[in-house]
Amino acid sequence: MPITVERVDFLSIPTRDLPRARRFYEETLGLPVDHETPTGVEITAGQVTLAVWRPEAVGMPFEPAPNHV
């Protein structure tokens, strides 16, 4: 039975340069940062939360996100 996706609530976006990624989402796109941690930020983009984070900060290897919307 196929799954029907009705909406997306949360996207995980790995980065190696968190300050640069944050500037892009805040300054270039004008999106608000909702929550900040030492390893990343959560940003609201309409109905979607973007979790921009550094995998290497939690001992995981950096890999580009395998899924895309």
Protein backbone atom coordinates (compact mmCIF):
# COMPACT_ATOMS: atom_id res chain seq x y z
CA MET A 1 0.00 0.00 0.00
CA PRO A 2 1.57 3.35 -1.02
CA ILE A 3 2.02 6.11 1.54
CA THR A 4 0.53 9.50 0.76
CA VAL A 5 2.54 12.41 2.16
CA GLU A 6 0.28 15.34 2.92
CA ARG A 7 2.86 17.80 4.24
CA VAL A 8 6.39 18.18 5.58
CA ASP A 9 6.93 19.49 9.13
CA PHE A 10 10.67 19.11 9.69
CA LEU A 11 13.77 19.00 7.50
CA SER A 12 17.25 18.15 8.73
CA ILE A 13 19.97 20.11 6.93
CA PRO A 14 23.56 19.12 7.73
CA THR A 15 26.29 21.74 7.40
CA ARG A 16 29.99 22.06 8.07
CA ASP A 17 29.83 25.85 8.48
CA LEU A 18 27.01 26.69 10.90
CA PRO A 19 27.66 30.48 11.12
CA ARG A 20 27.61 30.77 7.32
CA ALA A 21 24.46 28.63 7.01
CA ARG A 22 22.75 30.67 9.73
CA ARG A 23 23.61 33.93 7.96
CA PHE A 24 22.17 32.54 4.73
CA TYR A 25 18.82 31.59 6.27
CA GLU A 26 18.56 34.68 8.51
CA GLU A 27 20.05 37.47 6.40
CA THR A 28 19.61 36.29 2.81
CA LEU A 29 16.23 34.57 3.16
CA GLY A 30 14.98 36.61 6.14
CA LEU A 31 13.83 33.56 8.13
CA PRO A 32 13.66 33.71 11.94
CA VAL A 33 15.77 31.48 14.17
CA ASP A 34 13.46 29.85 16.72
CA HIS A 35 15.89 27.80 18.76
CA GLU A 36 19.65 27.61 19.06
CA THR A 37 21.90 24.88 20.46
CA PRO A 38 25.68 24.43 20.39
CA THR A 39 25.30 22.07 17.43
CA GLY A 40 22.69 23.88 15.34
CA VAL A 41 19.69 26.12 14.89
CA GLU A 42 16.02 25.59 14.15
CA ILE A 43 14.52 28.01 11.66
CA THR A 44 10.90 28.53 10.72
CA ALA A 45 10.06 28.58 7.03
CA GLY A 46 6.29 28.85 6.84
CA GLN A 47 4.86 25.59 8.19
CA VAL A 48 8.24 23.84 8.08
CA THR A 49 11.03 23.77 10.67
CA LEU A 50 14.53 23.62 9.21
CA ALA A 51 17.02 21.99 11.57
CA VAL A 52 20.43 23.22 10.43
CA TRP A 53 23.09 21.33 12.36
CA ARG A 54 26.70 20.14 12.44
CA PRO A 55 26.80 16.31 12.51
CA GLU A 56 30.52 16.34 13.33
CA ALA A 57 29.75 18.20 16.58
CA VAL A 58 27.92 15.11 17.84
CA GLY A 59 30.44 12.57 16.56
CA MET A 60 28.69 11.77 13.29
CA PRO A 61 30.35 12.07 9.88
CA PHE A 62 29.19 14.90 7.66
CA GLU A 63 27.19 13.59 4.72
CA PRO A 64 24.90 15.56 2.43
CA ALA A 65 21.25 14.85 3.18
CA PRO A 66 20.30 11.78 1.11
CA ASN A 67 16.67 12.86 0.76
CA HIS A 68 15.37 15.97 -0.90
CA VAL A 69 11.99 17.58 -1.10
